Amino acid sequence: MNKTKGYTKHPQLIRFSNSPSPVGSIAVYLQVVHSEALKRGYNFDKSKICSEGCDEFIAVTAGQLEYEWKHLKAKLKVRSPEQLKKFKDIKQPDPHSLFHIIPGPVEYWEVV
C-alpha cells in the first residue's frame, strides 16, 4: 500500500476505499484487468498487484454502470472507432466480477 503514484484521489477510487477491504478489492479488480490486458497484447506488470484478496462484492448502481458505458463509447468514437464497432450490439456490458449491480442513479462522486 502507498506505493502508487498518480491517480490516488480519483473519484472512482471511492468505490474501493468504501469497501471492507480497499487494498484487496483493488487487487482483485486489477487481476481481471491484467487478464484482459494479456488478451489484448498490452504490457501490464502483474508484480505491482498485491497478493491480498477480498471476498466481498462492491455495490455499483445501475445508473453508474450505464454512465460509464456511455462515457466509454463516446471516448471510443473519437479515439478508436474500429474498437467501438465491436461493441455495437452490446446494450449493457457485463460488470466486472467484483461488482454487484444495484438499482440507483449515477454515483454522487462522479464528475458529469
PDB file of N, CA and C in Angstrom:
ATOM      1  N   MET A   1       0.847  -1.180   0.000  1.00  0.00           N
ATOM      2  CA  MET A   1       0.000   0.000   0.000  1.00  0.00           C
ATOM      3  C   MET A   1       0.887   1.235   0.000  1.00  0.00           C
ATOM      4  N   ASN A   2       0.345   2.331  -0.474  1.00  0.00           N
ATOM      5  CA  ASN A   2       1.042   3.617  -0.549  1.00  0.00           C
ATOM      6  C   ASN A   2       2.230   3.593  -1.494  1.00  0.00           C
ATOM      7  N   LYS A   3       2.236   2.693  -2.453  1.00  0.00           N
ATOM      8  CA  LYS A   3       3.296   2.653  -3.454  1.00  0.00           C
ATOM      9  C   LYS A   3       2.837   3.259  -4.769  1.00  0.00           C
ATOM     10  N   THR A   4       1.579   3.646  -4.820  1.00  0.00           N
ATOM     11  CA  THR A   4       1.000   4.150  -6.059  1.00  0.00           C
ATOM     12  C   THR A   4       1.333   5.612  -6.259  1.00  0.00           C
ATOM     13  N   LYS A   5       1.642   5.941  -7.505  1.00  0.00           N
ATOM     14  CA  LYS A   5       1.842   7.335  -7.883  1.00  0.00           C
ATOM     15  C   LYS A   5       0.708   7.696  -8.822  1.00  0.00           C
ATOM     16  N   GLY A   6       0.296   8.926  -8.798  1.00  0.00           N
ATOM     17  CA  GLY A   6      -0.713   9.347  -9.767  1.00  0.00           C
ATOM     18  C   GLY A   6      -2.101   9.439  -9.190  1.00  0.00           C
ATOM     19  N   TYR A   7      -3.014   8.715  -9.784  1.00  0.00           N
ATOM     20  CA  TYR A   7      -4.444   8.883  -9.532  1.00  0.00           C
ATOM     21  C   TYR A   7      -4.911   8.339  -8.186  1.00  0.00           C
ATOM     22  N   THR A   8      -4.297   8.749  -7.115  1.00  0.00           N
ATOM     23  CA  THR A   8      -4.687   8.251  -5.796  1.00  0.00           C
ATOM     24  C   THR A   8      -5.937   8.930  -5.254  1.00  0.00           C
ATOM     25  N   LYS A   9      -6.333  10.044  -5.842  1.00  0.00           N
ATOM     26  CA  LYS A   9      -7.525  10.773  -5.387  1.00  0.00           C
ATOM     27  C   LYS A   9      -8.636  10.756  -6.434  1.00  0.00           C
ATOM     28  N   HIS A  10      -8.535   9.892  -7.422  1.00  0.00           N
ATOM     29  CA  HIS A  10      -9.548   9.830  -8.471  1.00  0.00           C
ATOM     30  C   HIS A  10     -10.891   9.448  -7.841  1.00  0.00           C
ATOM     31  N   PRO A  11     -11.971  10.158  -8.207  1.00  0.00           N
ATOM     32  CA  PRO A  11     -13.276   9.877  -7.594  1.00  0.00           C
ATOM     33  C   PRO A  11     -13.714   8.416  -7.688  1.00  0.00           C
ATOM     34  N   GLN A  12     -13.372   7.731  -8.762  1.00  0.00           N
ATOM     35  CA  GLN A  12     -13.813   6.338  -8.888  1.00  0.00           C
ATOM     36  C   GLN A  12     -13.156   5.418  -7.861  1.00  0.00           C
ATOM     37  N   LEU A  13     -12.081   5.867  -7.238  1.00  0.00           N
ATOM     38  CA  LEU A  13     -11.454   5.048  -6.201  1.00  0.00           C
ATOM     39  C   LEU A  13     -12.280   5.013  -4.920  1.00  0.00           C
ATOM     40  N   ILE A  14     -13.252   5.925  -4.816  1.00  0.00           N
ATOM     41  CA  ILE A  14     -14.123   5.935  -3.636  1.00  0.00           C
ATOM     42  C   ILE A  14     -14.842   4.596  -3.496  1.00  0.00           C
ATOM     43  N   ARG A  15     -15.237   3.994  -4.620  1.00  0.00           N
ATOM     44  CA  ARG A  15     -15.945   2.701  -4.542  1.00  0.00           C
ATOM     45  C   ARG A  15     -15.069   1.648  -3.881  1.00  0.00           C
ATOM     46  N   PHE A  16     -13.761   1.738  -4.062  1.00  0.00           N
ATOM     47  CA  PHE A  16     -12.855   0.776  -3.432  1.00  0.00           C
ATOM     48  C   PHE A  16     -12.564   1.154  -1.982  1.00  0.00           C
ATOM     49  N   SER A  17     -12.324   2.443  -1.730  1.00  0.00           N
ATOM     50  CA  SER A  17     -11.997   2.862  -0.365  1.00  0.00           C
ATOM     51  C   SER A  17     -13.168   2.651   0.588  1.00  0.00           C
ATOM     52  N   ASN A  18     -14.386   2.623   0.081  1.00  0.00           N
ATOM     53  CA  ASN A  18     -15.560   2.362   0.919  1.00  0.00           C
ATOM     54  C   ASN A  18     -15.816   0.875   1.141  1.00  0.00           C
ATOM     55  N   SER A  19     -15.065   0.024   0.485  1.00  0.00           N
ATOM     56  CA  SER A  19     -15.273  -1.421   0.648  1.00  0.00           C
ATOM     57  C   SER A  19     -14.620  -1.901   1.948  1.00  0.00           C
ATOM     58  N   PRO A  20     -15.024  -3.057   2.457  1.00  0.00           N
ATOM     59  CA  PRO A  20     -14.429  -3.586   3.688  1.00  0.00           C
ATOM     60  C   PRO A  20     -12.924  -3.847   3.565  1.00  0.00           C
ATOM     61  N   SER A  21     -12.464  -4.115   2.356  1.00  0.00           N
ATOM     62  CA  SER A  21     -11.045  -4.404   2.123  1.00  0.00           C
ATOM     63  C   SER A  21     -10.568  -3.612   0.904  1.00  0.00           C
ATOM     64  N   PRO A  22     -10.252  -2.318   1.087  1.00  0.00           N
ATOM     65  CA  PRO A  22      -9.892  -1.479  -0.064  1.00  0.00           C
ATOM     66  C   PRO A  22      -8.726  -2.017  -0.895  1.00  0.00           C
ATOM     67  N   VAL A  23      -7.651  -2.398  -0.249  1.00  0.00           N
ATOM     68  CA  VAL A  23      -6.480  -2.888  -0.985  1.00  0.00           C
ATOM     69  C   VAL A  23      -6.798  -4.211  -1.671  1.00  0.00           C
ATOM     70  N   GLY A  24      -7.473  -5.100  -0.966  1.00  0.00           N
ATOM     71  CA  GLY A  24      -7.853  -6.381  -1.554  1.00  0.00           C
ATOM     72  C   GLY A  24      -8.806  -6.213  -2.722  1.00  0.00           C
ATOM     73  N   SER A  25      -9.739  -5.276  -2.604  1.00  0.00           N
ATOM     74  CA  SER A  25     -10.686  -5.021  -3.696  1.00  0.00           C
ATOM     75  C   SER A  25      -9.970  -4.528  -4.942  1.00  0.00           C
ATOM     76  N   ILE A  26      -9.041  -3.610  -4.754  1.00  0.00           N
ATOM     77  CA  ILE A  26      -8.278  -3.100  -5.898  1.00  0.00           C
ATOM     78  C   ILE A  26      -7.446  -4.221  -6.514  1.00  0.00           C
ATOM     79  N   ALA A  27      -6.866  -5.067  -5.673  1.00  0.00           N
ATOM     80  CA  ALA A  27      -6.059  -6.179  -6.186  1.00  0.00           C
ATOM     81  C   ALA A  27      -6.905  -7.129  -7.028  1.00  0.00           C
ATOM     82  N   VAL A  28      -8.085  -7.486  -6.532  1.00  0.00           N
ATOM     83  CA  VAL A  28      -8.977  -8.381  -7.284  1.00  0.00           C
ATOM     84  C   VAL A  28      -9.389  -7.719  -8.595  1.00  0.00           C
ATOM     85  N   TYR A  29      -9.714  -6.441  -8.543  1.00  0.00           N
ATOM     86  CA  TYR A  29     -10.095  -5.697  -9.748  1.00  0.00           C
ATOM     87  C   TYR A  29      -8.957  -5.728 -10.771  1.00  0.00           C
ATOM     88  N   LEU A  30      -7.740  -5.432 -10.311  1.00  0.00           N
ATOM     89  CA  LEU A  30      -6.601  -5.364 -11.232  1.00  0.00           C
ATOM     90  C   LEU A  30      -6.197  -6.725 -11.785  1.00  0.00           C
ATOM     91  N   GLN A  31      -6.466  -7.796 -11.054  1.00  0.00           N
ATOM     92  CA  GLN A  31      -6.159  -9.127 -11.588  1.00  0.00           C
ATOM     93  C   GLN A  31      -6.963  -9.395 -12.854  1.00  0.00           C
ATOM     94  N   VAL A  32      -8.215  -8.964 -12.864  1.00  0.00           N
ATOM     95  CA  VAL A  32      -9.050  -9.133 -14.061  1.00  0.00           C
ATOM     96  C   VAL A  32      -8.581  -8.188 -15.167  1.00  0.00           C
ATOM     97  N   VAL A  33      -8.201  -6.969 -14.790  1.00  0.00           N
ATOM     98  CA  VAL A  33      -7.663  -6.022 -15.774  1.00  0.00           C
ATOM     99  C   VAL A  33      -6.394  -6.600 -16.403  1.00  0.00           C
ATOM    100  N   HIS A  34      -5.555  -7.219 -15.593  1.00  0.00           N
ATOM    101  CA  HIS A  34      -4.329  -7.840 -16.105  1.00  0.00           C
ATOM    102  C   HIS A  34      -4.654  -8.933 -17.120  1.00  0.00           C
ATOM    103  N   SER A  35      -5.614  -9.786 -16.806  1.00  0.00           N
ATOM    104  CA  SER A  35      -6.001 -10.854 -17.740  1.00  0.00           C
ATOM    105  C   SER A  35      -6.480 -10.281 -19.066  1.00  0.00           C
ATOM    106  N   GLU A  36      -7.283  -9.233 -19.003  1.00  0.00           N
ATOM    107  CA  GLU A  36      -7.777  -8.587 -20.225  1.00  0.00           C
ATOM    108  C   GLU A  36      -6.626  -7.940 -20.992  1.00  0.00           C
ATOM    109  N   ALA A  37      -5.684  -7.349 -20.279  1.00  0.00           N
ATOM    110  CA  ALA A  37      -4.527  -6.726 -20.929  1.00  0.00           C
ATOM    111  C   ALA A  37      -3.719  -7.760 -21.706  1.00  0.00           C
ATOM    112  N   LEU A  38      -3.550  -8.943 -21.127  1.00  0.00           N
ATOM    113  CA  LEU A  38      -2.818 -10.004 -21.821  1.00  0.00           C
ATOM    114  C   LEU A  38      -3.529 -10.411 -23.107  1.00  0.00           C
ATOM    115  N   LYS A  39      -4.863 -10.525 -23.049  1.00  0.00           N
ATOM    116  CA  LYS A  39      -5.637 -10.889 -24.244  1.00  0.00           C
ATOM    117  C   LYS A  39      -5.459  -9.865 -25.356  1.00  0.00           C
ATOM    118  N   ARG A  40      -5.300  -8.603 -24.963  1.00  0.00           N
ATOM    119  CA  ARG A  40      -5.186  -7.528 -25.948  1.00  0.00           C
ATOM    120  C   ARG A  40      -3.742  -7.238 -26.354  1.00  0.00           C
ATOM    121  N   GLY A  41      -2.805  -7.955 -25.751  1.00  0.00           N
ATOM    122  CA  GLY A  41      -1.406  -7.760 -26.103  1.00  0.00           C
ATOM    123  C   GLY A  41      -0.756  -6.557 -25.436  1.00  0.00           C
ATOM    124  N   TYR A  42      -1.343  -6.082 -24.341  1.00  0.00           N
ATOM    125  CA  TYR A  42      -0.783  -4.937 -23.625  1.00  0.00           C
ATOM    126  C   TYR A  42       0.254  -5.411 -22.618  1.00  0.00           C
ATOM    127  N   ASN A  43       1.149  -4.518 -22.263  1.00  0.00           N
ATOM    128  CA  ASN A  43       2.166  -4.794 -21.255  1.00  0.00           C
ATOM    129  C   ASN A  43       1.647  -4.301 -19.905  1.00  0.00           C
ATOM    130  N   PHE A  44       1.356  -5.214 -19.011  1.00  0.00           N
ATOM    131  CA  PHE A  44       0.802  -4.882 -17.701  1.00  0.00           C
ATOM    132  C   PHE A  44       1.617  -5.646 -16.677  1.00  0.00           C
ATOM    133  N   ASP A  45       2.310  -4.927 -15.800  1.00  0.00           N
ATOM    134  CA  ASP A  45       3.208  -5.540 -14.825  1.00  0.00           C
ATOM    135  C   ASP A  45       2.420  -6.086 -13.630  1.00  0.00           C
ATOM    136  N   LYS A  46       2.138  -7.369 -13.663  1.00  0.00           N
ATOM    137  CA  LYS A  46       1.347  -8.012 -12.607  1.00  0.00           C
ATOM    138  C   LYS A  46       2.056  -7.981 -11.254  1.00  0.00           C
ATOM    139  N   SER A  47       3.375  -7.838 -11.251  1.00  0.00           N
ATOM    140  CA  SER A  47       4.108  -7.824  -9.981  1.00  0.00           C
ATOM    141  C   SER A  47       3.732  -6.625  -9.110  1.00  0.00           C
ATOM    142  N   LYS A  48       3.105  -5.623  -9.701  1.00  0.00           N
ATOM    143  CA  LYS A  48       2.695  -4.444  -8.931  1.00  0.00           C
ATOM    144  C   LYS A  48       1.350  -4.640  -8.233  1.00  0.00           C
ATOM    145  N   ILE A  49       0.681  -5.749  -8.513  1.00  0.00           N
ATOM    146  CA  ILE A  49      -0.596  -6.041  -7.857  1.00  0.00           C
ATOM    147  C   ILE A  49      -0.294  -6.826  -6.588  1.00  0.00           C
ATOM    148  N   CYS A  50      -0.784  -6.337  -5.460  1.00  0.00           N
ATOM    149  CA  CYS A  50      -0.516  -7.046  -4.210  1.00  0.00           C
ATOM    150  C   CYS A  50      -1.260  -8.380  -4.203  1.00  0.00           C
ATOM    151  N   SER A  51      -0.852  -9.264  -3.346  1.00  0.00           N
ATOM    152  CA  SER A  51      -1.447 -10.602  -3.305  1.00  0.00           C
ATOM    153  C   SER A  51      -2.703 -10.662  -2.438  1.00  0.00           C
ATOM    154  N   GLU A  52      -3.028  -9.563  -1.766  1.00  0.00           N
ATOM    155  CA  GLU A  52      -4.223  -9.536  -0.921  1.00  0.00           C
ATOM    156  C   GLU A  52      -5.474  -9.715  -1.778  1.00  0.00           C
ATOM    157  N   GLY A  53      -6.448 -10.366  -1.241  1.00  0.00           N
ATOM    158  CA  GLY A  53      -7.709 -10.560  -1.953  1.00  0.00           C
ATOM    159  C   GLY A  53      -8.874 -10.076  -1.112  1.00  0.00           C
ATOM    160  N   CYS A  54     -10.066 -10.301  -1.598  1.00  0.00           N
ATOM    161  CA  CYS A  54     -11.263  -9.956  -0.825  1.00  0.00           C
ATOM    162  C   CYS A  54     -12.386 -10.893  -1.242  1.00  0.00           C
ATOM    163  N   ASP A  55     -13.326 -11.085  -0.338  1.00  0.00           N
ATOM    164  CA  ASP A  55     -14.455 -11.976  -0.601  1.00  0.00           C
ATOM    165  C   ASP A  55     -15.753 -11.221  -0.853  1.00  0.00           C
ATOM    166  N   GLU A  56     -15.751  -9.921  -0.575  1.00  0.00           N
ATOM    167  CA  GLU A  56     -16.978  -9.137  -0.678  1.00  0.00           C
ATOM    168  C   GLU A  56     -17.127  -8.517  -2.059  1.00  0.00           C
ATOM    169  N   PHE A  57     -18.376  -8.393  -2.474  1.00  0.00           N
ATOM    170  CA  PHE A  57     -18.680  -7.659  -3.698  1.00  0.00           C
ATOM    171  C   PHE A  57     -18.740  -6.171  -3.376  1.00  0.00           C
ATOM    172  N   ILE A  58     -18.580  -5.364  -4.400  1.00  0.00           N
ATOM    173  CA  ILE A  58     -18.760  -3.921  -4.276  1.00  0.00           C
ATOM    174  C   ILE A  58     -20.053  -3.573  -5.002  1.00  0.00           C
ATOM    175  N   ALA A  59     -20.944  -2.890  -4.299  1.00  0.00           N
ATOM    176  CA  ALA A  59     -22.209  -2.475  -4.907  1.00  0.00           C
ATOM    177  C   ALA A  59     -21.953  -1.321  -5.874  1.00  0.00           C
ATOM    178  N   VAL A  60     -22.470  -1.455  -7.076  1.00  0.00           N
ATOM    179  CA  VAL A  60     -22.373  -0.410  -8.098  1.00  0.00           C
ATOM    180  C   VAL A  60     -23.786  -0.180  -8.620  1.00  0.00           C
ATOM    181  N   THR A  61     -24.187   1.084  -8.681  1.00  0.00           N
ATOM    182  CA  THR A  61     -25.544   1.365  -9.144  1.00  0.00           C
ATOM    183  C   THR A  61     -25.666   1.157 -10.648  1.00  0.00           C
ATOM    184  N   ALA A  62     -26.861   0.770 -11.058  1.00  0.00           N
ATOM    185  CA  ALA A  62     -27.129   0.579 -12.486  1.00  0.00           C
ATOM    186  C   ALA A  62     -26.913   1.884 -13.247  1.00  0.00           C
ATOM    187  N   GLY A  63     -27.276   3.000 -12.626  1.00  0.00           N
ATOM    188  CA  GLY A  63     -27.064   4.299 -13.260  1.00  0.00           C
ATOM    189  C   GLY A  63     -25.595   4.604 -13.478  1.00  0.00           C
ATOM    190  N   GLN A  64     -24.754   4.211 -12.529  1.00  0.00           N
ATOM    191  CA  GLN A  64     -23.315   4.437 -12.668  1.00  0.00           C
ATOM    192  C   GLN A  64     -22.745   3.581 -13.790  1.00  0.00           C
ATOM    193  N   LEU A  65     -23.149   2.327 -13.831  1.00  0.00           N
ATOM    194  CA  LEU A  65     -22.663   1.430 -14.880  1.00  0.00           C
ATOM    195  C   LEU A  65     -23.086   1.941 -16.257  1.00  0.00           C
ATOM    196  N   GLU A  66     -24.332   2.391 -16.365  1.00  0.00           N
ATOM    197  CA  GLU A  66     -24.821   2.935 -17.634  1.00  0.00           C
ATOM    198  C   GLU A  66     -24.033   4.188 -18.032  1.00  0.00           C
ATOM    199  N   TYR A  67     -23.767   5.053 -17.049  1.00  0.00           N
ATOM    200  CA  TYR A  67     -22.989   6.266 -17.328  1.00  0.00           C
ATOM    201  C   TYR A  67     -21.585   5.911 -17.837  1.00  0.00           C
ATOM    202  N   GLU A  68     -20.924   4.977 -17.162  1.00  0.00           N
ATOM    203  CA  GLU A  68     -19.564   4.594 -17.556  1.00  0.00           C
ATOM    204  C   GLU A  68     -19.550   3.963 -18.945  1.00  0.00           C
ATOM    205  N   TRP A  69     -20.574   3.189 -19.287  1.00  0.00           N
ATOM    206  CA  TRP A  69     -20.661   2.565 -20.607  1.00  0.00           C
ATOM    207  C   TRP A  69     -20.808   3.638 -21.685  1.00  0.00           C
ATOM    208  N   LYS A  70     -21.696   4.602 -21.453  1.00  0.00           N
ATOM    209  CA  LYS A  70     -21.882   5.695 -22.417  1.00  0.00           C
ATOM    210  C   LYS A  70     -20.606   6.524 -22.551  1.00  0.00           C
ATOM    211  N   HIS A  71     -19.952   6.764 -21.439  1.00  0.00           N
ATOM    212  CA  HIS A  71     -18.707   7.541 -21.447  1.00  0.00           C
ATOM    213  C   HIS A  71     -17.623   6.816 -22.255  1.00  0.00           C
ATOM    214  N   LEU A  72     -17.496   5.514 -22.045  1.00  0.00           N
ATOM    215  CA  LEU A  72     -16.511   4.731 -22.793  1.00  0.00           C
ATOM    216  C   LEU A  72     -16.814   4.761 -24.286  1.00  0.00           C
ATOM    217  N   LYS A  73     -18.077   4.582 -24.648  1.00  0.00           N
ATOM    218  CA  LYS A  73     -18.428   4.588 -26.072  1.00  0.00           C
ATOM    219  C   LYS A  73     -18.143   5.946 -26.710  1.00  0.00           C
ATOM    220  N   ALA A  74     -18.372   7.030 -25.982  1.00  0.00           N
ATOM    221  CA  ALA A  74     -18.072   8.365 -26.511  1.00  0.00           C
ATOM    222  C   ALA A  74     -16.572   8.538 -26.733  1.00  0.00           C
ATOM    223  N   LYS A  75     -15.768   8.019 -25.814  1.00  0.00           N
ATOM    224  CA  LYS A  75     -14.312   8.099 -25.976  1.00  0.00           C
ATOM    225  C   LYS A  75     -13.845   7.250 -27.153  1.00  0.00           C
ATOM    226  N   LEU A  76     -14.400   6.045 -27.280  1.00  0.00           N
ATOM    227  CA  LEU A  76     -14.013   5.169 -28.386  1.00  0.00           C
ATOM    228  C   LEU A  76     -14.417   5.749 -29.740  1.00  0.00           C
ATOM    229  N   LYS A  77     -15.527   6.440 -29.784  1.00  0.00           N
ATOM    230  CA  LYS A  77     -15.982   7.052 -31.037  1.00  0.00           C
ATOM    231  C   LYS A  77     -14.914   7.995 -31.589  1.00  0.00           C
ATOM    232  N   VAL A  78     -14.231   8.701 -30.704  1.00  0.00           N
ATOM    233  CA  VAL A  78     -13.185   9.645 -31.105  1.00  0.00           C
ATOM    234  C   VAL A  78     -11.839   8.943 -31.270  1.00  0.00           C
ATOM    235  N   ARG A  79     -11.472   8.112 -30.308  1.00  0.00           N
ATOM    236  CA  ARG A  79     -10.125   7.534 -30.254  1.00  0.00           C
ATOM    237  C   ARG A  79      -9.944   6.249 -31.048  1.00  0.00           C
ATOM    238  N   SER A  80     -10.998   5.452 -31.120  1.00  0.00           N
ATOM    239  CA  SER A  80     -10.851   4.136 -31.737  1.00  0.00           C
ATOM    240  C   SER A  80     -12.179   3.646 -32.309  1.00  0.00           C
ATOM    241  N   PRO A  81     -12.636   4.263 -33.407  1.00  0.00           N
ATOM    242  CA  PRO A  81     -13.925   3.867 -33.986  1.00  0.00           C
ATOM    243  C   PRO A  81     -14.009   2.383 -34.341  1.00  0.00           C
ATOM    244  N   GLU A  82     -12.904   1.789 -34.740  1.00  0.00           N
ATOM    245  CA  GLU A  82     -12.914   0.355 -35.069  1.00  0.00           C
ATOM    246  C   GLU A  82     -13.222  -0.486 -33.832  1.00  0.00           C
ATOM    247  N   GLN A  83     -12.670  -0.089 -32.699  1.00  0.00           N
ATOM    248  CA  GLN A  83     -12.948  -0.808 -31.448  1.00  0.00           C
ATOM    249  C   GLN A  83     -14.418  -0.646 -31.063  1.00  0.00           C
ATOM    250  N   LEU A  84     -14.953   0.548 -31.262  1.00  0.00           N
ATOM    251  CA  LEU A  84     -16.359   0.806 -30.939  1.00  0.00           C
ATOM    252  C   LEU A  84     -17.289  -0.105 -31.742  1.00  0.00           C
ATOM    253  N   LYS A  85     -16.943  -0.373 -32.985  1.00  0.00           N
ATOM    254  CA  LYS A  85     -17.781  -1.239 -33.830  1.00  0.00           C
ATOM    255  C   LYS A  85     -17.942  -2.636 -33.230  1.00  0.00           C
ATOM    256  N   LYS A  86     -16.940  -3.092 -32.501  1.00  0.00           N
ATOM    257  CA  LYS A  86     -17.009  -4.420 -31.883  1.00  0.00           C
ATOM    258  C   LYS A  86     -18.111  -4.501 -30.818  1.00  0.00           C
ATOM    259  N   PHE A  87     -18.502  -3.342 -30.300  1.00  0.00           N
ATOM    260  CA  PHE A  87     -19.484  -3.301 -29.218  1.00  0.00           C
ATOM    261  C   PHE A  87     -20.868  -2.856 -29.673  1.00  0.00           C
ATOM    262  N   LYS A  88     -21.080  -2.738 -30.974  1.00  0.00           N
ATOM    263  CA  LYS A  88     -22.331  -2.143 -31.472  1.00  0.00           C
ATOM    264  C   LYS A  88     -23.580  -2.905 -31.043  1.00  0.00           C
ATOM    265  N   ASP A  89     -23.487  -4.197 -30.832  1.00  0.00           N
ATOM    266  CA  ASP A  89     -24.658  -4.990 -30.458  1.00  0.00           C
ATOM    267  C   ASP A  89     -24.827  -5.148 -28.944  1.00  0.00           C
ATOM    268  N   ILE A  90     -23.907  -4.591 -28.182  1.00  0.00           N
ATOM    269  CA  ILE A  90     -23.978  -4.714 -26.724  1.00  0.00           C
ATOM    270  C   ILE A  90     -24.737  -3.517 -26.161  1.00  0.00           C
ATOM    271  N   LYS A  91     -25.890  -3.787 -25.576  1.00  0.00           N
ATOM    272  CA  LYS A  91     -26.693  -2.715 -24.970  1.00  0.00           C
ATOM    273  C   LYS A  91     -26.152  -2.349 -23.588  1.00  0.00           C
ATOM    274  N   GLN A  92     -25.805  -3.376 -22.833  1.00  0.00           N
ATOM    275  CA  GLN A  92     -25.273  -3.179 -21.481  1.00  0.00           C
ATOM    276  C   GLN A  92     -24.210  -4.247 -21.240  1.00  0.00           C
ATOM    277  N   PRO A  93     -22.979  -3.847 -20.956  1.00  0.00           N
ATOM    278  CA  PRO A  93     -21.928  -4.848 -20.757  1.00  0.00           C
ATOM    279  C   PRO A  93     -22.067  -5.557 -19.415  1.00  0.00           C
ATOM    280  N   ASP A  94     -21.474  -6.721 -19.331  1.00  0.00           N
ATOM    281  CA  ASP A  94     -21.399  -7.405 -18.047  1.00  0.00           C
ATOM    282  C   ASP A  94     -20.433  -6.631 -17.160  1.00  0.00           C
ATOM    283  N   PRO A  95     -20.776  -6.468 -15.891  1.00  0.00           N
ATOM    284  CA  PRO A  95     -19.864  -5.751 -14.995  1.00  0.00           C
ATOM    285  C   PRO A  95     -18.674  -6.622 -14.612  1.00  0.00           C
ATOM    286  N   HIS A  96     -17.667  -5.997 -14.074  1.00  0.00           N
ATOM    287  CA  HIS A  96     -16.527  -6.710 -13.502  1.00  0.00           C
ATOM    288  C   HIS A  96     -17.072  -7.689 -12.459  1.00  0.00           C
ATOM    289  N   SER A  97     -16.464  -8.837 -12.343  1.00  0.00           N
ATOM    290  CA  SER A  97     -16.951  -9.877 -11.425  1.00  0.00           C
ATOM    291  C   SER A  97     -16.945  -9.444  -9.957  1.00  0.00           C
ATOM    292  N   LEU A  98     -16.220  -8.406  -9.632  1.00  0.00           N
ATOM    293  CA  LEU A  98     -16.176  -7.886  -8.267  1.00  0.00           C
ATOM    294  C   LEU A  98     -17.425  -7.070  -7.929  1.00  0.00           C
ATOM    295  N   PHE A  99     -18.113  -6.589  -8.956  1.00  0.00           N
ATOM    296  CA  PHE A  99     -19.231  -5.678  -8.750  1.00  0.00           C
ATOM    297  C   PHE A  99     -20.575  -6.398  -8.683  1.00  0.00           C
ATOM    298  N   HIS A 100     -21.411  -5.907  -7.803  1.00  0.00           N
ATOM    299  CA  HIS A 100     -22.799  -6.353  -7.675  1.00  0.00           C
ATOM    300  C   HIS A 100     -23.659  -5.149  -8.039  1.00  0.00           C
ATOM    301  N   ILE A 101     -24.474  -5.278  -9.069  1.00  0.00           N
ATOM    302  CA  ILE A 101     -25.266  -4.153  -9.549  1.00  0.00           C
ATOM    303  C   ILE A 101     -26.548  -4.025  -8.727  1.00  0.00           C
ATOM    304  N   ILE A 102     -26.783  -2.794  -8.275  1.00  0.00           N
ATOM    305  CA  ILE A 102     -27.992  -2.473  -7.520  1.00  0.00           C
ATOM    306  C   ILE A 102     -28.715  -1.327  -8.227  1.00  0.00           C
ATOM    307  N   PRO A 103     -30.013  -1.188  -8.000  1.00  0.00           N
ATOM    308  CA  PRO A 103     -30.717  -0.054  -8.604  1.00  0.00           C
ATOM    309  C   PRO A 103     -30.165   1.260  -8.053  1.00  0.00           C
ATOM    310  N   GLY A 104     -30.192   2.279  -8.873  1.00  0.00           N
ATOM    311  CA  GLY A 104     -29.770   3.590  -8.401  1.00  0.00           C
ATOM    312  C   GLY A 104     -29.210   4.448  -9.518  1.00  0.00           C
ATOM    313  N   PRO A 105     -29.031   5.736  -9.218  1.00  0.00           N
ATOM    314  CA  PRO A 105     -28.551   6.688 -10.216  1.00  0.00           C
ATOM    315  C   PRO A 105     -27.028   6.687 -10.323  1.00  0.00           C
ATOM    316  N   VAL A 106     -26.519   7.611 -11.112  1.00  0.00           N
ATOM    317  CA  VAL A 106     -25.075   7.846 -11.190  1.00  0.00           C
ATOM    318  C   VAL A 106     -24.602   8.204  -9.777  1.00  0.00           C
ATOM    319  N   GLU A 107     -23.435   7.721  -9.395  1.00  0.00           N
ATOM    320  CA  GLU A 107     -22.910   7.957  -8.049  1.00  0.00           C
ATOM    321  C   GLU A 107     -22.653   9.448  -7.793  1.00  0.00           C
ATOM    322  N   TYR A 108     -22.753   9.838  -6.535  1.00  0.00           N
ATOM    323  CA  TYR A 108     -22.568  11.236  -6.141  1.00  0.00           C
ATOM    324  C   TYR A 108     -21.173  11.762  -6.468  1.00  0.00           C
ATOM    325  N   TRP A 109     -20.191  10.876  -6.512  1.00  0.00           N
ATOM    326  CA  TRP A 109     -18.808  11.301  -6.711  1.00  0.00           C
ATOM    327  C   TRP A 109     -18.431  11.429  -8.177  1.00  0.00           C
ATOM    328  N   GLU A 110     -19.292  10.970  -9.058  1.00  0.00           N
ATOM    329  CA  GLU A 110     -18.976  11.007 -10.491  1.00  0.00           C
ATOM    330  C   GLU A 110     -18.993  12.445 -10.999  1.00  0.00           C
ATOM    331  N   VAL A 111     -18.002  12.774 -11.807  1.00  0.00           N
ATOM    332  CA  VAL A 111     -17.927  14.098 -12.419  1.00  0.00           C
ATOM    333  C   VAL A 111     -18.643  14.016 -13.762  1.00  0.00           C
ATOM    334  N   VAL A 112     -19.842  14.616 -13.839  1.00  0.00           N
ATOM    335  CA  VAL A 112     -20.618  14.575 -15.086  1.00  0.00           C
ATOM    336  C   VAL A 112     -20.685  15.945 -15.732  1.00  0.00           C
TER     337      VAL A 112
END
